[in-house]
């Protein structure tokens, strides 16, 4: 208790030196919280968008389907049995048929992934309402990135060429009904969507599907289908955000080291200039460990004050950024990232940051203070 009182008085008496240490440490604390909140916000938004636009509550894949191997698409389809059809009728699963195809925008040839999805589906956010066949022209929807790469606009027509289940090549004219905006790159890049039933006829794959998107997280077993949970489907996104956190730790460590260096220098200077004070403490009956505790607690107080000061200007800043978001523009990086990222401040993140700053500053304060143990009281009283 005595160490706490003396440390508190010494910090107040330090004046400008305390202000500088607290300011630097609070800035490091705020930046650490903000950076991690941005990464968590990105990850959280990415998961929500991916589930809403692509994976739902999980997917059932044909055993031969490999999303990274376009040559597996041709054989990766199977007929839907009565059990699966019942789930489709109950809106428990959504069938999707996937095949490789080619389009010819402006006379150019471009390989694409053709996806058949029911026009009346409501599970995913894809705007599929206008996909019903009209006047012999097959309507299609594409994403903004796809429209940019193909230079296609709404109501433009483009030739689609494919190979059906018998190996026969055929072609049809598509009309771009809708161009949607989506932050999930896998939903947009190189993808064209047409009606599921129309695609079955074009491919000669009656009542077949490549994968089933589930709306029920409890449904995990279907005969003849391989289940992929949201954890599996979101693994790439999680790995990416975790790698960003690891790389961000380098920057955070540099910020924290700068702040801790200021505290370390302050403690070294204090021990050098306050030798008589240290000798007086020992002469009054304080043990060396108690004196070391005074200087160590002083460093700990710096971090506590830094957390309080950081909260004073950090909380309003965080609230403002959380309302407006941080705009990064249209980032076409082939990954799931929103144009505006909203930070996610979890209680765990804040507590871990506080503990990290307090513990680090306490340890840094203890290192130079430990030298007091080796001092002779007589030399300390003389200022040597």
Protein backbone atom coordinates (compact mmCIF):
# COMPACT_ATOMS: atom_id res chain seq x y z
CA UNK A 1 0.00 0.00 0.00
CA UNK A 2 2.88 2.33 0.86
CA UNK A 3 4.50 1.60 -2.51
CA UNK A 4 1.28 2.56 -4.28
CA UNK A 5 1.01 5.89 -2.45
CA UNK A 6 4.65 6.82 -3.02
CA UNK A 7 4.52 5.77 -6.68
CA UNK A 8 1.35 7.83 -7.20
CA UNK A 9 2.94 10.94 -5.67
CA UNK A 10 6.13 10.48 -7.67
CA UNK A 11 4.20 10.23 -10.94
CA UNK A 12 2.25 13.41 -10.20
CA UNK A 13 5.46 15.16 -9.23
CA UNK A 14 7.20 14.16 -12.48
CA UNK A 15 4.95 16.56 -14.43
CA UNK A 16 5.95 16.89 -18.08
CA UNK A 17 7.91 13.64 -18.09
CA UNK A 18 4.81 11.71 -17.01
CA UNK A 19 2.68 13.53 -19.59
CA UNK A 20 5.03 12.58 -22.43
CA UNK A 21 5.25 8.94 -21.36
CA UNK A 22 1.49 8.61 -20.96
CA UNK A 23 0.83 10.34 -24.30
CA UNK A 24 3.17 8.06 -26.26
CA UNK A 25 1.93 4.92 -24.52
CA UNK A 26 -1.75 5.89 -24.99
CA UNK A 27 -1.16 6.48 -28.70
CA UNK A 28 0.40 3.02 -29.04
CA UNK A 29 -2.53 1.52 -27.13
CA UNK A 30 -5.16 3.23 -29.33
CA UNK A 31 -3.39 2.24 -32.57
CA UNK A 32 -3.05 -1.39 -31.45
CA UNK A 33 -6.77 -1.60 -30.64
CA UNK A 34 -7.75 0.17 -33.87
CA UNK A 35 -5.60 -2.01 -36.15
CA UNK A 36 -6.87 -5.27 -34.66
CA UNK A 37 -10.45 -3.97 -34.73
CA UNK A 38 -10.07 -3.21 -38.45
CA UNK A 39 -8.80 -6.75 -39.15
CA UNK A 40 -11.62 -8.26 -37.06
CA UNK A 41 -14.14 -6.02 -38.83
CA UNK A 42 -12.83 -7.07 -42.24
CA UNK A 43 -13.00 -10.74 -41.27
CA UNK A 44 -16.49 -10.36 -39.81
CA UNK A 45 -17.85 -8.52 -42.86
CA UNK A 46 -16.18 -11.01 -45.19
CA UNK A 47 -17.79 -13.97 -43.41
CA UNK A 48 -21.24 -12.37 -43.46
CA UNK A 49 -20.97 -11.41 -47.14
CA UNK A 50 -19.66 -14.83 -48.17
CA UNK A 51 -22.49 -16.60 -46.37
CA UNK A 52 -25.15 -14.27 -47.76
CA UNK A 53 -23.88 -14.39 -51.35
CA UNK A 54 -22.34 -17.85 -51.78
CA UNK A 55 -22.20 -20.51 -49.08
CA UNK A 56 -25.27 -20.06 -46.87
CA UNK A 57 -25.03 -22.26 -43.76
CA UNK A 58 -22.80 -24.76 -45.54
CA UNK A 59 -22.68 -26.67 -48.82
CA UNK A 60 -22.99 -30.24 -50.09
CA UNK A 61 -20.57 -30.99 -52.94
CA UNK A 62 -20.58 -33.70 -55.54
CA UNK A 63 -17.69 -36.06 -54.62
CA UNK A 64 -15.78 -35.15 -57.81
CA UNK A 65 -16.27 -31.38 -57.50
CA UNK A 66 -13.19 -29.26 -56.85
CA UNK A 67 -13.76 -25.51 -57.03
CA UNK A 68 -10.08 -24.95 -57.84
CA UNK A 69 -10.04 -27.47 -60.72
CA UNK A 70 -12.17 -26.25 -63.61
CA UNK A 71 -11.70 -29.57 -65.44
CA UNK A 72 -13.56 -31.38 -62.65
CA UNK A 73 -16.78 -29.48 -63.34
CA UNK A 74 -17.82 -31.59 -66.35
CA UNK A 75 -18.16 -34.83 -64.35
CA UNK A 76 -19.15 -33.21 -61.06
CA UNK A 77 -22.92 -33.46 -61.32
CA UNK A 78 -25.49 -36.02 -60.30
CA UNK A 79 -29.23 -36.53 -60.43
CA UNK A 80 -31.24 -35.25 -57.51
CA UNK A 81 -33.10 -38.02 -55.67
CA UNK A 82 -36.47 -37.81 -53.92
CA UNK A 83 -34.94 -37.03 -50.53
CA UNK A 84 -32.94 -34.06 -51.86
CA UNK A 85 -35.92 -32.88 -53.92
CA UNK A 86 -38.01 -32.78 -50.78
CA UNK A 87 -35.38 -30.60 -49.09
CA UNK A 88 -35.37 -28.32 -52.15
CA UNK A 89 -39.17 -28.00 -52.00
CA UNK A 90 -38.87 -27.12 -48.29
CA UNK A 91 -36.20 -24.47 -49.07
CA UNK A 92 -33.70 -26.39 -46.94
CA UNK A 93 -31.16 -26.58 -49.76
CA UNK A 94 -30.61 -24.69 -53.01
CA UNK A 95 -29.33 -26.64 -56.07
CA UNK A 96 -26.58 -25.11 -58.20
CA UNK A 97 -25.32 -26.52 -61.50
CA UNK A 98 -21.79 -25.50 -62.50
CA UNK A 99 -20.06 -26.01 -65.87
CA UNK A 100 -17.24 -24.49 -67.88
CA UNK A 101 -18.24 -22.41 -70.91
CA UNK A 102 -16.97 -19.73 -73.27
CA UNK A 103 -18.35 -16.32 -74.19
CA UNK A 104 -17.39 -14.00 -77.06
CA UNK A 105 -17.74 -10.37 -75.95
CA UNK A 106 -16.79 -7.87 -78.69
CA UNK A 107 -15.49 -10.77 -80.78
CA UNK A 108 -13.05 -11.87 -78.08
CA UNK A 109 -13.02 -15.36 -76.59
CA UNK A 110 -13.17 -15.63 -72.78
CA UNK A 111 -13.48 -18.75 -70.65
CA UNK A 112 -16.04 -18.44 -67.87
CA UNK A 113 -17.77 -20.49 -65.18
CA UNK A 114 -21.47 -20.87 -65.96
CA UNK A 115 -23.70 -21.31 -62.92
CA UNK A 116 -27.32 -22.37 -63.03
CA UNK A 117 -29.38 -21.19 -60.07
CA UNK A 118 -33.18 -21.17 -59.61
CA UNK A 119 -34.69 -17.83 -60.59
CA UNK A 120 -37.12 -17.91 -57.64
CA UNK A 121 -34.48 -18.63 -54.97
CA UNK A 122 -34.37 -16.44 -51.86
CA UNK A 123 -31.52 -18.07 -49.94
CA UNK A 124 -28.69 -16.07 -51.51
CA UNK A 125 -28.54 -12.34 -52.23
CA UNK A 126 -28.00 -12.90 -55.95
CA UNK A 127 -30.64 -10.91 -57.92
CA UNK A 128 -32.03 -13.91 -59.81
CA UNK A 129 -35.64 -12.78 -60.32
CA UNK A 130 -35.10 -11.80 -63.96
CA UNK A 131 -33.55 -15.11 -65.07
CA UNK A 132 -36.67 -16.69 -66.56
CA UNK A 133 -36.35 -17.43 -70.29
CA UNK A 134 -37.88 -14.66 -72.42
CA UNK A 135 -38.66 -14.69 -76.18
CA UNK A 136 -35.95 -17.21 -77.06
CA UNK A 137 -33.21 -15.13 -75.45
CA UNK A 138 -31.61 -16.43 -72.28
CA UNK A 139 -31.21 -13.73 -69.59
CA UNK A 140 -28.11 -13.75 -67.42
CA UNK A 141 -26.71 -11.82 -64.48
CA UNK A 142 -23.07 -10.92 -63.86
CA UNK A 143 -21.11 -9.05 -61.21
CA UNK A 144 -19.55 -5.62 -61.50
CA UNK A 145 -16.00 -7.00 -61.84
CA UNK A 146 -17.12 -9.41 -64.56
CA UNK A 147 -18.89 -6.59 -66.40
CA UNK A 148 -15.73 -4.50 -66.25
CA UNK A 149 -13.47 -7.27 -67.59
CA UNK A 150 -15.87 -8.18 -70.43
CA UNK A 151 -17.03 -4.60 -71.11
CA UNK A 152 -20.63 -5.78 -70.96
CA UNK A 153 -23.53 -3.57 -69.91
CA UNK A 154 -27.16 -4.18 -69.01
CA UNK A 155 -29.21 -5.42 -72.01
CA UNK A 156 -26.04 -6.24 -73.98
CA UNK A 157 -26.08 -9.55 -75.84
CA UNK A 158 -23.20 -11.99 -75.91
CA UNK A 159 -22.69 -15.40 -77.49
CA UNK A 160 -22.34 -18.33 -75.08
CA UNK A 161 -20.76 -21.60 -76.22
CA UNK A 162 -20.68 -24.79 -74.16
CA UNK A 163 -20.23 -28.55 -74.36
CA UNK A 164 -23.17 -30.66 -73.19
CA UNK A 165 -23.18 -33.98 -71.35
CA UNK A 166 -22.76 -35.89 -74.64
CA UNK A 167 -19.72 -33.86 -75.69
CA UNK A 168 -21.64 -31.89 -78.32
CA UNK A 169 -20.84 -28.18 -78.68
CA UNK A 170 -23.73 -25.75 -78.85
CA UNK A 171 -24.26 -22.00 -78.55
CA UNK A 172 -26.94 -19.53 -77.52
CA UNK A 173 -27.22 -15.77 -77.15
CA UNK A 174 -27.33 -14.37 -73.64
CA UNK A 175 -28.81 -11.04 -72.66
CA UNK A 176 -27.33 -9.32 -69.60
CA UNK A 177 -30.38 -8.70 -67.41
CA UNK A 178 -28.67 -7.39 -64.26
CA UNK A 179 -25.20 -6.30 -63.16
CA UNK A 180 -24.93 -6.71 -59.41
CA UNK A 181 -22.41 -5.33 -56.96
CA UNK A 182 -20.81 -7.89 -54.66
CA UNK A 183 -17.75 -7.80 -52.40
CA UNK A 184 -17.17 -11.57 -52.65
CA UNK A 185 -14.66 -12.06 -55.46
CA UNK A 186 -15.51 -15.75 -56.01
CA UNK A 187 -19.14 -14.82 -56.72
CA UNK A 188 -18.15 -12.20 -59.29
CA UNK A 189 -14.86 -12.90 -61.09
CA UNK A 190 -15.36 -15.02 -64.22
CA UNK A 191 -18.91 -16.04 -63.26
CA UNK A 192 -22.14 -15.86 -65.29
CA UNK A 193 -25.48 -16.91 -63.81
CA UNK A 194 -28.49 -18.24 -65.72
CA UNK A 195 -31.68 -20.02 -64.64
CA UNK A 196 -31.10 -23.48 -63.16
CA UNK A 197 -33.81 -25.20 -65.22
CA UNK A 198 -32.67 -23.52 -68.44
CA UNK A 199 -29.09 -24.64 -67.82
CA UNK A 200 -30.25 -28.24 -67.26
CA UNK A 201 -31.81 -28.24 -70.71
CA UNK A 202 -28.79 -26.63 -72.35
CA UNK A 203 -26.39 -29.14 -70.81
CA UNK A 204 -28.65 -32.17 -71.17
CA UNK A 205 -28.33 -32.74 -67.43
CA UNK A 206 -31.93 -33.31 -66.42
CA UNK A 207 -32.59 -32.75 -62.72
CA UNK A 208 -28.86 -32.64 -61.92
CA UNK A 209 -26.80 -30.41 -59.61
CA UNK A 210 -23.14 -29.88 -58.81
CA UNK A 211 -23.61 -28.62 -55.28
CA UNK A 212 -26.35 -27.80 -52.80
CA UNK A 213 -26.33 -24.64 -50.69
CA UNK A 214 -27.82 -25.30 -47.27
CA UNK A 215 -30.02 -22.93 -45.26
CA UNK A 216 -29.99 -25.24 -42.23
CA UNK A 217 -26.82 -25.45 -40.17
CA UNK A 218 -28.12 -28.63 -38.50
CA UNK A 219 -28.30 -30.49 -41.80
CA UNK A 220 -24.92 -32.19 -42.24
CA UNK A 221 -25.54 -35.54 -43.90
CA UNK A 222 -26.91 -36.36 -47.35
CA UNK A 223 -26.30 -39.63 -49.17
CA UNK A 224 -24.00 -39.17 -52.14
CA UNK A 225 -22.90 -35.65 -51.20
CA UNK A 226 -19.83 -34.38 -49.33
CA UNK A 227 -20.67 -31.83 -46.64
CA UNK A 228 -18.60 -28.64 -46.36
CA UNK A 229 -19.20 -26.60 -43.22
CA UNK A 230 -18.90 -22.81 -43.06
CA UNK A 231 -15.65 -23.24 -41.13
CA UNK A 232 -14.16 -25.22 -44.04
CA UNK A 233 -15.52 -22.87 -46.70
CA UNK A 234 -14.30 -19.77 -44.85
CA UNK A 235 -10.85 -21.20 -44.05
CA UNK A 236 -9.08 -19.21 -46.79
CA UNK A 237 -10.57 -15.95 -45.52
CA UNK A 238 -9.64 -16.79 -41.93
CA UNK A 239 -6.09 -17.72 -42.94
CA UNK A 240 -5.75 -14.46 -44.85
CA UNK A 241 -6.93 -12.29 -41.97
CA UNK A 242 -4.75 -14.22 -39.51
CA UNK A 243 -1.70 -13.62 -41.73
CA UNK A 244 -2.57 -9.92 -41.78
CA UNK A 245 -2.72 -9.95 -37.99
CA UNK A 246 0.70 -11.58 -37.80
CA UNK A 247 2.24 -9.03 -40.18
CA UNK A 248 0.50 -6.27 -38.23
CA UNK A 249 2.14 -7.50 -35.04
CA UNK A 250 5.46 -6.20 -36.39
CA UNK A 251 4.07 -2.66 -36.67
CA UNK A 252 2.35 -2.96 -33.28
CA UNK A 253 5.55 -4.21 -31.68
CA UNK A 254 7.50 -1.24 -33.04
CA UNK A 255 4.88 1.21 -31.69
CA UNK A 256 4.86 -0.50 -28.31
CA UNK A 257 8.67 -0.65 -28.16
CA UNK A 258 8.91 3.10 -28.81
CA UNK A 259 6.50 3.77 -25.96
CA UNK A 260 8.22 1.30 -23.63
CA UNK A 261 11.61 2.78 -24.49
CA UNK A 262 10.39 6.13 -23.19
CA UNK A 263 9.34 4.49 -19.92
CA UNK A 264 12.62 2.59 -19.67
CA UNK A 265 14.65 5.79 -20.17
CA UNK A 266 12.52 7.55 -17.58
CA UNK A 267 13.10 4.82 -15.02
CA UNK A 268 16.85 4.72 -15.67
CA UNK A 269 17.04 8.50 -15.32
CA UNK A 270 14.92 8.40 -12.17
CA UNK A 271 17.17 5.83 -10.51
CA UNK A 272 20.26 7.84 -11.49
CA UNK A 273 18.88 11.18 -10.24
CA UNK A 274 16.99 9.88 -7.21
CA UNK A 275 19.74 7.95 -5.46
CA UNK A 276 19.44 10.05 -2.32
CA UNK A 277 15.69 9.44 -2.29
CA UNK A 278 16.34 5.70 -2.61
CA UNK A 279 18.86 5.83 0.25
CA UNK A 280 16.36 7.75 2.38
CA UNK A 281 13.70 5.08 1.77
CA UNK A 282 16.10 2.37 2.86
CA UNK A 283 17.28 4.38 5.87
CA UNK A 284 13.66 4.83 6.96
CA UNK A 285 13.25 1.08 7.11
CA UNK A 286 11.96 0.11 3.66
CA UNK A 287 13.43 -3.08 2.29
CA UNK A 288 15.17 -3.08 -1.07
CA UNK A 289 12.29 -5.11 -2.53
CA UNK A 290 9.82 -2.46 -1.37
CA UNK A 291 11.87 0.29 -3.02
CA UNK A 292 12.07 -1.74 -6.23
CA UNK A 293 8.30 -2.15 -5.96
CA UNK A 294 7.83 1.65 -5.81
CA UNK A 295 9.67 2.19 -9.10
CA UNK A 296 8.01 -0.82 -10.73
CA UNK A 297 4.54 0.37 -9.71
CA UNK A 298 5.36 3.79 -11.15
CA UNK A 299 5.84 2.17 -14.55
CA UNK A 300 2.61 0.26 -14.14
CA UNK A 301 0.79 3.49 -13.30
CA UNK A 302 2.04 4.98 -16.55
CA UNK A 303 0.25 2.25 -18.51
CA UNK A 304 -2.95 2.59 -16.47
CA UNK A 305 -2.99 6.34 -17.03
CA UNK A 306 -2.24 5.71 -20.71
CA UNK A 307 -5.30 3.42 -20.94
CA UNK A 308 -7.47 6.10 -19.30
CA UNK A 309 -6.13 8.88 -21.53
CA UNK A 310 -6.43 6.63 -24.58
CA UNK A 311 -10.05 5.94 -23.68
CA UNK A 312 -10.79 9.67 -23.38
CA UNK A 313 -9.85 10.47 -26.97
CA UNK A 314 -10.00 6.94 -28.41
CA UNK A 315 -13.63 6.09 -27.62
CA UNK A 316 -15.12 9.12 -29.47
CA UNK A 317 -12.75 8.39 -32.39
CA UNK A 318 -13.76 4.73 -32.47
CA UNK A 319 -17.47 5.59 -32.33
CA UNK A 320 -17.11 8.03 -35.22
CA UNK A 321 -15.15 5.56 -37.38
CA UNK A 322 -17.63 2.80 -36.51
CA UNK A 323 -20.46 4.99 -37.84
CA UNK A 324 -18.75 6.20 -41.00
CA UNK A 325 -16.46 3.23 -41.68
CA UNK A 326 -13.08 3.35 -43.35
CA UNK A 327 -13.35 3.61 -47.13
CA UNK A 328 -10.72 1.76 -49.15
CA UNK A 329 -12.37 2.25 -52.54
CA UNK A 330 -13.10 -0.46 -55.07
CA UNK A 331 -10.35 -2.94 -54.27
CA UNK A 332 -10.17 -5.56 -57.01
CA UNK A 333 -7.66 -7.84 -55.28
CA UNK A 334 -9.38 -11.17 -55.87
CA UNK A 335 -10.34 -11.47 -52.20
CA UNK A 336 -13.44 -10.74 -50.17
CA UNK A 337 -13.12 -7.15 -49.02
CA UNK A 338 -15.78 -4.45 -48.73
CA UNK A 339 -15.36 -0.92 -50.08
CA UNK A 340 -16.08 0.37 -46.57
CA UNK A 341 -14.76 -1.56 -43.58
CA UNK A 342 -16.35 -1.12 -40.17
CA UNK A 343 -14.11 -1.96 -37.20
CA UNK A 344 -15.28 -4.57 -34.72
CA UNK A 345 -14.30 -3.81 -31.13
CA UNK A 346 -14.70 -6.91 -29.01
CA UNK A 347 -14.33 -6.94 -25.23
CA UNK A 348 -11.67 -9.63 -25.60
CA UNK A 349 -9.61 -7.41 -27.92
CA UNK A 350 -9.73 -4.44 -25.54
CA UNK A 351 -8.89 -6.52 -22.46
CA UNK A 352 -5.97 -8.28 -24.19
CA UNK A 353 -4.59 -4.92 -25.36
CA UNK A 354 -4.84 -3.43 -21.86
CA UNK A 355 -3.17 -6.45 -20.26
CA UNK A 356 -0.41 -6.40 -22.92
CA UNK A 357 0.37 -2.70 -22.38
CA UNK A 358 0.20 -2.85 -18.57
CA UNK A 359 2.27 -6.03 -18.32
CA UNK A 360 4.90 -4.80 -20.80
CA UNK A 361 5.34 -1.42 -19.11
CA UNK A 362 5.56 -3.08 -15.68
CA UNK A 363 8.27 -5.48 -16.84
CA UNK A 364 10.21 -2.68 -18.55
CA UNK A 365 10.01 -0.63 -15.35
CA UNK A 366 11.23 -3.52 -13.24
CA UNK A 367 14.40 -4.14 -15.27
CA UNK A 368 16.21 -0.88 -14.37
CA UNK A 369 14.59 -0.78 -10.91
CA UNK A 370 16.13 -4.15 -10.09
CA UNK A 371 19.53 -2.44 -9.92
CA UNK A 372 18.42 -0.83 -6.66
CA UNK A 373 18.94 -4.18 -4.93
CA UNK A 374 22.72 -3.85 -5.50
CA UNK A 375 22.94 -0.31 -4.08
CA UNK A 376 24.58 0.39 -0.76
CA UNK A 377 22.42 2.66 1.44
CA UNK A 378 25.42 4.82 2.39
CA UNK A 379 26.39 5.39 -1.25
CA UNK A 380 22.79 6.12 -2.16
CA UNK A 381 22.49 8.75 0.59
CA UNK A 382 25.64 10.39 -0.74
CA UNK A 383 24.16 10.36 -4.26
CA UNK A 384 26.81 7.99 -5.64
